[in-house]
Amino acid sequence: MPPNFYFDQEDFLIARSAGKNWSWTALRAEAFCSEILGIPNLPLLIAVYAVISKELGLPLRFPGTQAAYNALVQVTDADLLAEAMTWAATSSEAADEAFNLTNGDAFRWATLWPQFAKFFNMEYASPQAIPLAEFMADKQPLWEKIAQKYGLQAYSLKDLAIWPLGDFLFNCDWDVLLSATKVQQAGFHRVVDSEEMFKSLFQTFRDRKIIP
């Protein structure tokens, strides 16, 4: 429900830029994916969830609805967004325009989660609705034991995984498809393979001793 600060910001920039020698550009990303900690970060949330499940001797399950498991999904890689921001700041074609920005592909969790299980060397099982914010509320002591067991950096669980983000995204029972036609026609053509992006970020978290 309104008010929505995002649209207020955009309206503010449009008004301020009128008659000026500078322009605005809006890049509308979807499900931000990064190696940064302390922000809503989908790949890190999945990685931490997988590690906890494995430590508890559980198979990896998609923790949302069957409809969300089969729906089409898009995400946005942080490096891709950074490149798009540089392009938008230097291209006249981006001036005073708003663009959807995703990796350029679409996938179903039904395809990716079995691959995630392979990455973490886990058994995979069928989806099961698991309210993450509720079930992970008491897992800080377990995470501390995992960190000590595997020599991980001493991060608090709340700094690694924002569970309500997972509860929302894994229960989206509809296709999420943002057209990239406009940004491609304007001159930005970079794309990212989402499955490879997830695996690369998982490995980055492992290399940085954030997960085992």
C-alpha atoms as a PDB file:
ATOM      1  CA  MET A   1       0.000   0.000   0.000  1.00  0.00           C
ATOM      2  CA  PRO A   2       1.150   3.575  -0.569  1.00  0.00           C
ATOM      3  CA  PRO A   3       3.161   5.581   0.112  1.00  0.00           C
ATOM      4  CA  ASN A   4       6.095   3.924  -1.695  1.00  0.00           C
ATOM      5  CA  PHE A   5       9.472   5.609  -1.223  1.00  0.00           C
ATOM      6  CA  TYR A   6      10.775   4.132  -4.484  1.00  0.00           C
ATOM      7  CA  PHE A   7       8.290   6.088  -6.592  1.00  0.00           C
ATOM      8  CA  ASP A   8       8.768   9.171  -4.431  1.00  0.00           C
ATOM      9  CA  GLN A   9      12.500   9.062  -5.170  1.00  0.00           C
ATOM     10  CA  GLU A  10      11.916   8.620  -8.882  1.00  0.00           C
ATOM     11  CA  ASP A  11       9.402  11.486  -8.977  1.00  0.00           C
ATOM     12  CA  PHE A  12      11.863  13.674  -7.056  1.00  0.00           C
ATOM     13  CA  LEU A  13      14.659  13.021  -9.562  1.00  0.00           C
ATOM     14  CA  ILE A  14      12.399  13.618 -12.545  1.00  0.00           C
ATOM     15  CA  ALA A  15      11.288  16.955 -11.107  1.00  0.00           C
ATOM     16  CA  ARG A  16      14.810  18.046 -10.111  1.00  0.00           C
ATOM     17  CA  SER A  17      16.329  17.166 -13.486  1.00  0.00           C
ATOM     18  CA  ALA A  18      13.819  19.206 -15.501  1.00  0.00           C
ATOM     19  CA  GLY A  19      15.736  21.896 -17.401  1.00  0.00           C
ATOM     20  CA  LYS A  20      19.063  20.783 -15.927  1.00  0.00           C
ATOM     21  CA  ASN A  21      22.166  19.508 -17.730  1.00  0.00           C
ATOM     22  CA  TRP A  22      21.954  16.112 -16.027  1.00  0.00           C
ATOM     23  CA  SER A  23      19.592  13.182 -16.374  1.00  0.00           C
ATOM     24  CA  TRP A  24      18.208  10.326 -14.291  1.00  0.00           C
ATOM     25  CA  THR A  25      18.007   6.592 -14.994  1.00  0.00           C
ATOM     26  CA  ALA A  26      16.092   3.955 -13.035  1.00  0.00           C
ATOM     27  CA  LEU A  27      17.349   0.367 -13.081  1.00  0.00           C
ATOM     28  CA  ARG A  28      14.724  -2.007 -11.715  1.00  0.00           C
ATOM     29  CA  ALA A  29      16.436  -5.157 -10.510  1.00  0.00           C
ATOM     30  CA  GLU A  30      14.854  -8.371  -9.226  1.00  0.00           C
ATOM     31  CA  ALA A  31      16.025 -10.568  -6.296  1.00  0.00           C
ATOM     32  CA  PHE A  32      19.488  -9.032  -5.787  1.00  0.00           C
ATOM     33  CA  CYS A  33      22.329 -11.580  -5.644  1.00  0.00           C
ATOM     34  CA  SER A  34      25.718 -10.623  -4.225  1.00  0.00           C
ATOM     35  CA  GLU A  35      28.657 -11.721  -2.093  1.00  0.00           C
ATOM     36  CA  ILE A  36      27.970  -8.836   0.301  1.00  0.00           C
ATOM     37  CA  LEU A  37      26.950  -9.656   3.862  1.00  0.00           C
ATOM     38  CA  GLY A  38      24.437  -7.826   5.988  1.00  0.00           C
ATOM     39  CA  ILE A  39      21.901  -7.144   3.228  1.00  0.00           C
ATOM     40  CA  PRO A  40      18.984  -9.177   1.845  1.00  0.00           C
ATOM     41  CA  ASN A  41      21.075 -11.694  -0.103  1.00  0.00           C
ATOM     42  CA  LEU A  42      19.292 -14.652  -1.679  1.00  0.00           C
ATOM     43  CA  PRO A  43      22.307 -16.878  -2.548  1.00  0.00           C
ATOM     44  CA  LEU A  44      23.785 -16.519   0.946  1.00  0.00           C
ATOM     45  CA  LEU A  45      20.422 -17.327   2.511  1.00  0.00           C
ATOM     46  CA  ILE A  46      20.168 -20.510   0.429  1.00  0.00           C
ATOM     47  CA  ALA A  47      23.745 -21.484   1.296  1.00  0.00           C
ATOM     48  CA  VAL A  48      23.227 -21.034   5.038  1.00  0.00           C
ATOM     49  CA  TYR A  49      19.934 -22.921   4.912  1.00  0.00           C
ATOM     50  CA  ALA A  50      21.652 -25.787   3.097  1.00  0.00           C
ATOM     51  CA  VAL A  51      24.520 -25.908   5.614  1.00  0.00           C
ATOM     52  CA  ILE A  52      22.132 -25.991   8.577  1.00  0.00           C
ATOM     53  CA  SER A  53      20.012 -28.697   6.949  1.00  0.00           C
ATOM     54  CA  LYS A  54      23.087 -30.794   6.255  1.00  0.00           C
ATOM     55  CA  GLU A  55      24.413 -30.398   9.785  1.00  0.00           C
ATOM     56  CA  LEU A  56      21.056 -31.622  11.093  1.00  0.00           C
ATOM     57  CA  GLY A  57      21.245 -34.685   8.857  1.00  0.00           C
ATOM     58  CA  LEU A  58      18.367 -33.506   6.691  1.00  0.00           C
ATOM     59  CA  PRO A  59      18.051 -33.600   2.910  1.00  0.00           C
ATOM     60  CA  LEU A  60      17.903 -30.323   1.056  1.00  0.00           C
ATOM     61  CA  ARG A  61      14.294 -29.342   0.486  1.00  0.00           C
ATOM     62  CA  PHE A  62      12.865 -26.322  -1.265  1.00  0.00           C
ATOM     63  CA  PRO A  63      11.165 -24.654   1.724  1.00  0.00           C
ATOM     64  CA  GLY A  64       8.241 -23.089  -0.136  1.00  0.00           C
ATOM     65  CA  THR A  65       5.083 -24.028  -1.976  1.00  0.00           C
ATOM     66  CA  GLN A  66       4.810 -26.455  -4.869  1.00  0.00           C
ATOM     67  CA  ALA A  67       3.453 -23.654  -7.054  1.00  0.00           C
ATOM     68  CA  ALA A  68       6.483 -21.463  -6.291  1.00  0.00           C
ATOM     69  CA  TYR A  69       8.771 -24.436  -6.941  1.00  0.00           C
ATOM     70  CA  ASN A  70       7.421 -24.673 -10.484  1.00  0.00           C
ATOM     71  CA  ALA A  71       7.000 -20.962 -11.223  1.00  0.00           C
ATOM     72  CA  LEU A  72       9.387 -19.019 -13.445  1.00  0.00           C
ATOM     73  CA  VAL A  73      11.893 -16.897 -11.534  1.00  0.00           C
ATOM     74  CA  GLN A  74      14.413 -14.188 -12.404  1.00  0.00           C
ATOM     75  CA  VAL A  75      17.246 -12.684 -10.356  1.00  0.00           C
ATOM     76  CA  THR A  76      19.855  -9.934 -10.750  1.00  0.00           C
ATOM     77  CA  ASP A  77      23.581 -10.440 -10.224  1.00  0.00           C
ATOM     78  CA  ALA A  78      25.339  -7.587  -8.390  1.00  0.00           C
ATOM     79  CA  ASP A  79      28.215  -7.427 -10.882  1.00  0.00           C
ATOM     80  CA  LEU A  80      25.725  -7.225 -13.742  1.00  0.00           C
ATOM     81  CA  LEU A  81      23.930  -4.387 -11.964  1.00  0.00           C
ATOM     82  CA  ALA A  82      27.235  -2.549 -11.452  1.00  0.00           C
ATOM     83  CA  GLU A  83      28.030  -2.823 -15.170  1.00  0.00           C
ATOM     84  CA  ALA A  84      24.553  -1.595 -16.032  1.00  0.00           C
ATOM     85  CA  MET A  85      24.965   1.385 -13.695  1.00  0.00           C
ATOM     86  CA  THR A  86      28.219   2.321 -15.417  1.00  0.00           C
ATOM     87  CA  TRP A  87      26.526   2.005 -18.800  1.00  0.00           C
ATOM     88  CA  ALA A  88      23.547   4.072 -17.649  1.00  0.00           C
ATOM     89  CA  ALA A  89      25.830   6.829 -16.358  1.00  0.00           C
ATOM     90  CA  THR A  90      27.707   7.107 -19.657  1.00  0.00           C
ATOM     91  CA  SER A  91      25.135   6.358 -22.351  1.00  0.00           C
ATOM     92  CA  SER A  92      22.802   8.982 -23.761  1.00  0.00           C
ATOM     93  CA  GLU A  93      20.368   6.167 -24.598  1.00  0.00           C
ATOM     94  CA  ALA A  94      19.798   5.626 -20.880  1.00  0.00           C
ATOM     95  CA  ALA A  95      19.009   9.249 -20.058  1.00  0.00           C
ATOM     96  CA  ASP A  96      15.635   9.862 -18.436  1.00  0.00           C
ATOM     97  CA  GLU A  97      14.548   6.242 -18.816  1.00  0.00           C
ATOM     98  CA  ALA A  98      13.603   3.327 -16.563  1.00  0.00           C
ATOM     99  CA  PHE A  99      14.802  -0.188 -17.366  1.00  0.00           C
ATOM    100  CA  ASN A 100      14.123  -3.648 -16.012  1.00  0.00           C
ATOM    101  CA  LEU A 101      17.399  -5.367 -15.228  1.00  0.00           C
ATOM    102  CA  THR A 102      17.709  -9.109 -14.621  1.00  0.00           C
ATOM    103  CA  ASN A 103      20.297 -11.722 -15.541  1.00  0.00           C
ATOM    104  CA  GLY A 104      18.420 -12.162 -18.796  1.00  0.00           C
ATOM    105  CA  ASP A 105      17.338 -15.758 -18.245  1.00  0.00           C
ATOM    106  CA  ALA A 106      14.432 -17.326 -16.376  1.00  0.00           C
ATOM    107  CA  PHE A 107      14.487 -20.554 -14.403  1.00  0.00           C
ATOM    108  CA  ARG A 108      12.362 -22.716 -12.139  1.00  0.00           C
ATOM    109  CA  TRP A 109      13.454 -23.603  -8.617  1.00  0.00           C
ATOM    110  CA  ALA A 110      12.483 -27.175  -9.562  1.00  0.00           C
ATOM    111  CA  THR A 111      15.513 -27.165 -11.868  1.00  0.00           C
ATOM    112  CA  LEU A 112      18.006 -25.382  -9.643  1.00  0.00           C
ATOM    113  CA  TRP A 113      17.462 -26.867  -6.166  1.00  0.00           C
ATOM    114  CA  PRO A 114      18.566 -30.387  -7.123  1.00  0.00           C
ATOM    115  CA  GLN A 115      21.732 -28.764  -8.501  1.00  0.00           C
ATOM    116  CA  PHE A 116      22.208 -26.909  -5.231  1.00  0.00           C
ATOM    117  CA  ALA A 117      21.995 -30.253  -3.405  1.00  0.00           C
ATOM    118  CA  LYS A 118      24.772 -31.624  -5.605  1.00  0.00           C
ATOM    119  CA  PHE A 119      26.945 -28.589  -4.871  1.00  0.00           C
ATOM    120  CA  PHE A 120      26.571 -29.110  -1.121  1.00  0.00           C
ATOM    121  CA  ASN A 121      26.895 -32.900  -1.465  1.00  0.00           C
ATOM    122  CA  MET A 122      23.450 -33.490  -0.001  1.00  0.00           C
ATOM    123  CA  GLU A 123      20.495 -35.703  -0.686  1.00  0.00           C
ATOM    124  CA  TYR A 124      17.597 -33.858  -2.248  1.00  0.00           C
ATOM    125  CA  ALA A 125      13.967 -34.314  -1.267  1.00  0.00           C
ATOM    126  CA  SER A 126      10.666 -32.964  -2.505  1.00  0.00           C
ATOM    127  CA  PRO A 127       9.528 -29.461  -1.491  1.00  0.00           C
ATOM    128  CA  GLN A 128       8.079 -28.892   1.945  1.00  0.00           C
ATOM    129  CA  ALA A 129       6.627 -25.652   3.251  1.00  0.00           C
ATOM    130  CA  ILE A 130       9.008 -24.519   6.007  1.00  0.00           C
ATOM    131  CA  PRO A 131       8.488 -21.062   7.572  1.00  0.00           C
ATOM    132  CA  LEU A 132      12.157 -20.106   7.698  1.00  0.00           C
ATOM    133  CA  ALA A 133      11.806 -17.109  10.003  1.00  0.00           C
ATOM    134  CA  GLU A 134      10.107 -19.380  12.537  1.00  0.00           C
ATOM    135  CA  PHE A 135      12.244 -22.498  12.194  1.00  0.00           C
ATOM    136  CA  MET A 136      15.577 -20.653  12.111  1.00  0.00           C
ATOM    137  CA  ALA A 137      14.842 -18.417  15.086  1.00  0.00           C
ATOM    138  CA  ASP A 138      16.654 -20.759  17.520  1.00  0.00           C
ATOM    139  CA  LYS A 139      19.549 -21.828  15.272  1.00  0.00           C
ATOM    140  CA  GLN A 140      22.193 -19.306  16.417  1.00  0.00           C
ATOM    141  CA  PRO A 141      23.799 -21.786  18.890  1.00  0.00           C
ATOM    142  CA  LEU A 142      23.897 -24.430  16.152  1.00  0.00           C
ATOM    143  CA  TRP A 143      25.522 -21.970  13.754  1.00  0.00           C
ATOM    144  CA  GLU A 144      28.168 -21.143  16.359  1.00  0.00           C
ATOM    145  CA  LYS A 145      28.966 -24.869  16.642  1.00  0.00           C
ATOM    146  CA  ILE A 146      29.159 -25.144  12.830  1.00  0.00           C
ATOM    147  CA  ALA A 147      31.502 -22.145  12.674  1.00  0.00           C
ATOM    148  CA  GLN A 148      33.778 -23.633  15.343  1.00  0.00           C
ATOM    149  CA  LYS A 149      33.674 -27.110  13.791  1.00  0.00           C
ATOM    150  CA  TYR A 150      34.711 -25.925  10.330  1.00  0.00           C
ATOM    151  CA  GLY A 151      36.847 -22.909  11.251  1.00  0.00           C
ATOM    152  CA  LEU A 152      34.463 -20.357   9.780  1.00  0.00           C
ATOM    153  CA  GLN A 153      34.477 -16.632  10.343  1.00  0.00           C
ATOM    154  CA  ALA A 154      32.489 -15.731  13.437  1.00  0.00           C
ATOM    155  CA  TYR A 155      29.430 -14.129  11.870  1.00  0.00           C
ATOM    156  CA  SER A 156      26.089 -14.013  13.594  1.00  0.00           C
ATOM    157  CA  LEU A 157      23.370 -15.941  11.801  1.00  0.00           C
ATOM    158  CA  LYS A 158      21.225 -12.812  11.573  1.00  0.00           C
ATOM    159  CA  ASP A 159      24.006 -11.111   9.611  1.00  0.00           C
ATOM    160  CA  LEU A 160      24.091 -13.936   7.077  1.00  0.00           C
ATOM    161  CA  ALA A 161      20.468 -14.797   6.377  1.00  0.00           C
ATOM    162  CA  ILE A 162      17.398 -12.590   6.400  1.00  0.00           C
ATOM    163  CA  TRP A 163      14.853 -15.371   6.635  1.00  0.00           C
ATOM    164  CA  PRO A 164      11.699 -13.348   5.814  1.00  0.00           C
ATOM    165  CA  LEU A 165      13.237 -12.761   2.379  1.00  0.00           C
ATOM    166  CA  GLY A 166      13.222 -16.506   1.775  1.00  0.00           C
ATOM    167  CA  ASP A 167       9.717 -16.852   3.148  1.00  0.00           C
ATOM    168  CA  PHE A 168       8.527 -14.304   0.596  1.00  0.00           C
ATOM    169  CA  LEU A 169      10.466 -15.453  -2.465  1.00  0.00           C
ATOM    170  CA  PHE A 170       9.920 -19.181  -1.918  1.00  0.00           C
ATOM    171  CA  ASN A 171       6.183 -18.650  -1.654  1.00  0.00           C
ATOM    172  CA  CYS A 172       5.709 -16.587  -4.806  1.00  0.00           C
ATOM    173  CA  ASP A 173       3.116 -18.716  -6.560  1.00  0.00           C
ATOM    174  CA  TRP A 174       3.330 -16.750  -9.806  1.00  0.00           C
ATOM    175  CA  ASP A 175       5.810 -16.350 -12.655  1.00  0.00           C
ATOM    176  CA  VAL A 176       8.216 -13.411 -12.262  1.00  0.00           C
ATOM    177  CA  LEU A 177       9.179 -12.240 -15.730  1.00  0.00           C
ATOM    178  CA  LEU A 178      10.620  -8.793 -16.365  1.00  0.00           C
ATOM    179  CA  SER A 179      11.157  -7.965 -20.027  1.00  0.00           C
ATOM    180  CA  ALA A 180      14.735  -6.958 -20.869  1.00  0.00           C
ATOM    181  CA  THR A 181      13.816  -5.861 -24.374  1.00  0.00           C
ATOM    182  CA  LYS A 182      13.989  -2.149 -23.598  1.00  0.00           C
ATOM    183  CA  VAL A 183      17.439  -2.175 -21.997  1.00  0.00           C
ATOM    184  CA  GLN A 184      18.814  -4.377 -24.786  1.00  0.00           C
ATOM    185  CA  GLN A 185      17.421  -2.080 -27.451  1.00  0.00           C
ATOM    186  CA  ALA A 186      19.038   0.848 -25.647  1.00  0.00           C
ATOM    187  CA  GLY A 187      22.437  -0.838 -25.887  1.00  0.00           C
ATOM    188  CA  PHE A 188      23.062  -2.929 -22.753  1.00  0.00           C
ATOM    189  CA  HIS A 189      23.374  -6.564 -23.799  1.00  0.00           C
ATOM    190  CA  ARG A 190      25.232  -8.272 -20.922  1.00  0.00           C
ATOM    191  CA  VAL A 191      23.595 -11.420 -19.531  1.00  0.00           C
ATOM    192  CA  VAL A 192      24.445 -13.878 -16.751  1.00  0.00           C
ATOM    193  CA  ASP A 193      23.666 -17.584 -16.414  1.00  0.00           C
ATOM    194  CA  SER A 194      21.762 -17.700 -13.126  1.00  0.00           C
ATOM    195  CA  GLU A 195      22.627 -21.290 -12.223  1.00  0.00           C
ATOM    196  CA  GLU A 196      26.327 -20.620 -12.702  1.00  0.00           C
ATOM    197  CA  MET A 197      25.989 -17.367 -10.731  1.00  0.00           C
ATOM    198  CA  PHE A 198      24.505 -19.202  -7.728  1.00  0.00           C
ATOM    199  CA  LYS A 199      27.246 -21.845  -7.785  1.00  0.00           C
ATOM    200  CA  SER A 200      29.971 -19.226  -8.153  1.00  0.00           C
ATOM    201  CA  LEU A 201      28.638 -17.264  -5.179  1.00  0.00           C
ATOM    202  CA  PHE A 202      28.330 -20.437  -3.095  1.00  0.00           C
ATOM    203  CA  GLN A 203      32.002 -21.129  -3.840  1.00  0.00           C
ATOM    204  CA  THR A 204      32.925 -17.562  -2.959  1.00  0.00           C
ATOM    205  CA  PHE A 205      31.208 -17.916   0.417  1.00  0.00           C
ATOM    206  CA  ARG A 206      33.087 -21.171   0.939  1.00  0.00           C
ATOM    207  CA  ASP A 207      36.432 -19.640  -0.047  1.00  0.00           C
ATOM    208  CA  ARG A 208      35.845 -16.755   2.361  1.00  0.00           C
ATOM    209  CA  LYS A 209      35.118 -19.190   5.199  1.00  0.00           C
ATOM    210  CA  ILE A 210      31.567 -17.965   5.583  1.00  0.00           C
ATOM    211  CA  ILE A 211      30.178 -21.455   4.978  1.00  0.00           C
ATOM    212  CA  PRO A 212      31.985 -24.818   5.108  1.00  0.00           C
END
